[in-house]
């Protein structure tokens, strides 16, 4: 699968994002877009209470850290 194919799959509006796409998204350089889409998709619990604590496990799965 090419990077272009990965990018298209991840940012397609009709696509339902899953955990399996995180690594592909990171490799394609669009991890932040994927986190946003994951939160908007309804898979995140209590979206109205998103904090650095609730984002850390998601970002950790992407190999990212929140700067203090």
N, C-alpha and C. Protein backbone atom coordinates (compact mmCIF):
# COMPACT_ATOMS: atom_id res chain seq x y z
N UNK A 1 0.84 -1.18 0.00
CA UNK A 1 0.00 0.00 0.00
C UNK A 1 0.89 1.24 0.00
N UNK A 2 0.61 2.15 -0.88
CA UNK A 2 1.45 3.35 -0.97
C UNK A 2 0.98 4.40 0.02
N UNK A 3 1.85 5.38 0.25
CA UNK A 3 1.50 6.45 1.18
C UNK A 3 0.27 7.21 0.68
N UNK A 4 0.17 7.41 -0.62
CA UNK A 4 -0.97 8.12 -1.18
C UNK A 4 -2.27 7.37 -0.89
N UNK A 5 -2.25 6.05 -1.03
CA UNK A 5 -3.43 5.24 -0.75
C UNK A 5 -3.82 5.34 0.72
N UNK A 6 -2.83 5.29 1.60
CA UNK A 6 -3.09 5.39 3.04
C UNK A 6 -3.73 6.74 3.35
N UNK A 7 -3.16 7.81 2.83
CA UNK A 7 -3.69 9.15 3.09
C UNK A 7 -5.14 9.24 2.63
N UNK A 8 -5.44 8.74 1.45
CA UNK A 8 -6.80 8.80 0.91
C UNK A 8 -7.75 8.04 1.82
N UNK A 9 -7.35 6.84 2.25
CA UNK A 9 -8.23 6.03 3.09
C UNK A 9 -8.50 6.71 4.43
N UNK A 10 -7.49 7.29 5.03
CA UNK A 10 -7.66 7.85 6.37
C UNK A 10 -8.51 9.11 6.36
N UNK A 11 -8.37 9.97 5.35
CA UNK A 11 -9.08 11.24 5.38
C UNK A 11 -10.42 11.21 4.65
N UNK A 12 -10.78 10.07 4.07
CA UNK A 12 -12.08 9.97 3.42
C UNK A 12 -13.18 10.16 4.46
N UNK A 13 -14.13 11.04 4.19
CA UNK A 13 -15.15 11.36 5.17
C UNK A 13 -16.00 10.16 5.55
N UNK A 14 -16.27 9.27 4.63
CA UNK A 14 -17.14 8.13 4.92
C UNK A 14 -16.41 7.00 5.64
N UNK A 15 -15.11 7.11 5.73
CA UNK A 15 -14.33 6.04 6.35
C UNK A 15 -14.54 6.01 7.86
N UNK A 16 -14.76 4.84 8.41
CA UNK A 16 -14.84 4.67 9.86
C UNK A 16 -13.47 4.26 10.34
N UNK A 17 -12.86 5.12 11.12
CA UNK A 17 -11.49 4.88 11.55
C UNK A 17 -11.43 3.87 12.68
N UNK A 18 -10.44 3.02 12.64
CA UNK A 18 -10.23 2.03 13.68
C UNK A 18 -8.79 2.07 14.15
N UNK A 19 -8.51 1.32 15.21
CA UNK A 19 -7.16 1.30 15.77
C UNK A 19 -6.12 0.84 14.75
N UNK A 20 -6.51 -0.03 13.82
CA UNK A 20 -5.56 -0.55 12.84
C UNK A 20 -5.02 0.54 11.92
N UNK A 21 -5.72 1.66 11.83
CA UNK A 21 -5.28 2.74 10.95
C UNK A 21 -4.26 3.67 11.61
N UNK A 22 -4.08 3.58 12.94
CA UNK A 22 -3.18 4.52 13.61
C UNK A 22 -1.75 4.45 13.10
N UNK A 23 -1.22 3.26 12.97
CA UNK A 23 0.17 3.12 12.52
C UNK A 23 0.31 3.62 11.09
N UNK A 24 -0.66 3.29 10.24
CA UNK A 24 -0.60 3.74 8.85
C UNK A 24 -0.67 5.26 8.78
N UNK A 25 -1.52 5.85 9.61
CA UNK A 25 -1.65 7.31 9.61
C UNK A 25 -0.36 7.97 10.09
N UNK A 26 0.25 7.39 11.11
CA UNK A 26 1.50 7.95 11.62
C UNK A 26 2.57 7.91 10.53
N UNK A 27 2.65 6.79 9.83
CA UNK A 27 3.64 6.65 8.77
C UNK A 27 3.38 7.62 7.62
N UNK A 28 2.11 7.96 7.42
CA UNK A 28 1.77 8.90 6.36
C UNK A 28 1.91 10.35 6.81
N UNK A 29 2.22 10.54 8.09
CA UNK A 29 2.46 11.89 8.60
C UNK A 29 1.20 12.68 8.89
N UNK A 30 0.09 12.01 9.15
CA UNK A 30 -1.16 12.72 9.41
C UNK A 30 -1.80 12.25 10.70
N UNK A 31 -0.97 12.02 11.71
CA UNK A 31 -1.46 11.50 12.99
C UNK A 31 -2.46 12.45 13.64
N UNK A 32 -2.21 13.75 13.58
CA UNK A 32 -3.10 14.70 14.24
C UNK A 32 -4.49 14.69 13.60
N UNK A 33 -4.55 14.55 12.28
CA UNK A 33 -5.85 14.46 11.61
C UNK A 33 -6.60 13.22 12.05
N UNK A 34 -5.87 12.12 12.24
CA UNK A 34 -6.51 10.88 12.64
C UNK A 34 -7.06 10.98 14.05
N UNK A 35 -6.32 11.61 14.96
CA UNK A 35 -6.81 11.80 16.32
C UNK A 35 -8.10 12.61 16.29
N UNK A 36 -8.11 13.69 15.50
CA UNK A 36 -9.30 14.52 15.39
C UNK A 36 -10.48 13.72 14.86
N UNK A 37 -10.26 12.94 13.81
CA UNK A 37 -11.33 12.14 13.22
C UNK A 37 -11.82 11.08 14.20
N UNK A 38 -10.91 10.50 14.98
CA UNK A 38 -11.29 9.48 15.96
C UNK A 38 -12.21 10.10 17.00
N UNK A 39 -11.87 11.30 17.48
CA UNK A 39 -12.70 11.97 18.48
C UNK A 39 -14.06 12.35 17.90
N UNK A 40 -14.08 12.82 16.66
CA UNK A 40 -15.32 13.23 16.02
C UNK A 40 -16.20 12.04 15.64
N UNK A 41 -15.60 10.88 15.49
CA UNK A 41 -16.35 9.70 15.02
C UNK A 41 -17.31 9.15 16.07
N UNK A 42 -17.12 9.57 17.33
CA UNK A 42 -17.99 9.08 18.38
C UNK A 42 -17.41 7.89 19.11
N UNK A 43 -16.20 7.45 18.72
CA UNK A 43 -15.58 6.33 19.41
C UNK A 43 -15.03 6.75 20.77
N UNK A 44 -14.75 8.04 20.93
CA UNK A 44 -14.24 8.52 22.21
C UNK A 44 -15.40 8.72 23.17
N UNK A 45 -15.23 8.30 24.41
CA UNK A 45 -16.26 8.49 25.42
C UNK A 45 -16.19 9.91 25.97
N UNK A 46 -17.35 10.49 26.27
CA UNK A 46 -17.45 11.81 26.88
C UNK A 46 -16.65 12.85 26.10
N UNK A 47 -16.98 13.01 24.83
CA UNK A 47 -16.23 13.93 23.97
C UNK A 47 -16.25 15.36 24.50
N UNK A 48 -17.30 15.70 25.26
CA UNK A 48 -17.37 17.06 25.79
C UNK A 48 -16.36 17.31 26.91
N UNK A 49 -15.73 16.25 27.40
CA UNK A 49 -14.76 16.39 28.49
C UNK A 49 -13.36 15.94 28.06
N UNK A 50 -12.97 16.29 26.86
CA UNK A 50 -11.65 15.91 26.36
C UNK A 50 -10.59 16.75 27.06
N UNK A 51 -9.63 16.09 27.68
CA UNK A 51 -8.53 16.77 28.37
C UNK A 51 -7.21 16.13 27.95
N UNK A 52 -6.12 16.69 28.44
CA UNK A 52 -4.82 16.09 28.13
C UNK A 52 -4.73 14.67 28.67
N UNK A 53 -5.42 14.41 29.79
CA UNK A 53 -5.40 13.06 30.36
C UNK A 53 -6.12 12.06 29.46
N UNK A 54 -7.24 12.49 28.86
CA UNK A 54 -7.97 11.56 28.00
C UNK A 54 -7.30 11.40 26.64
N UNK A 55 -6.56 12.42 26.21
CA UNK A 55 -5.86 12.33 24.93
C UNK A 55 -4.57 11.53 25.02
N UNK A 56 -3.94 11.49 26.19
CA UNK A 56 -2.63 10.86 26.32
C UNK A 56 -2.59 9.41 25.84
N UNK A 57 -3.58 8.54 26.20
CA UNK A 57 -3.53 7.16 25.70
C UNK A 57 -3.61 7.08 24.18
N UNK A 58 -4.39 7.97 23.59
CA UNK A 58 -4.53 7.98 22.13
C UNK A 58 -3.21 8.40 21.50
N UNK A 59 -2.66 9.51 21.99
CA UNK A 59 -1.40 10.00 21.44
C UNK A 59 -0.26 9.03 21.73
N UNK A 60 -0.32 8.36 22.89
CA UNK A 60 0.69 7.37 23.22
C UNK A 60 0.71 6.23 22.22
N UNK A 61 -0.48 5.84 21.75
CA UNK A 61 -0.57 4.78 20.75
C UNK A 61 0.06 5.22 19.44
N UNK A 62 0.10 6.53 19.22
CA UNK A 62 0.72 7.08 18.01
C UNK A 62 2.20 7.37 18.21
N UNK A 63 2.69 7.18 19.43
CA UNK A 63 4.08 7.49 19.71
C UNK A 63 4.32 8.96 19.92
N UNK A 64 3.28 9.70 20.28
CA UNK A 64 3.39 11.15 20.49
C UNK A 64 3.25 11.47 21.97
N UNK A 65 3.74 12.64 22.38
CA UNK A 65 3.61 13.08 23.77
C UNK A 65 3.04 14.49 23.79
N UNK A 66 2.32 14.80 24.86
CA UNK A 66 1.80 16.15 25.04
C UNK A 66 2.88 16.97 25.75
N UNK A 67 3.23 18.12 25.17
CA UNK A 67 4.23 18.98 25.79
C UNK A 67 3.63 19.66 27.01
N UNK A 68 4.38 19.74 28.12
CA UNK A 68 3.86 20.39 29.34
C UNK A 68 3.69 21.89 29.15
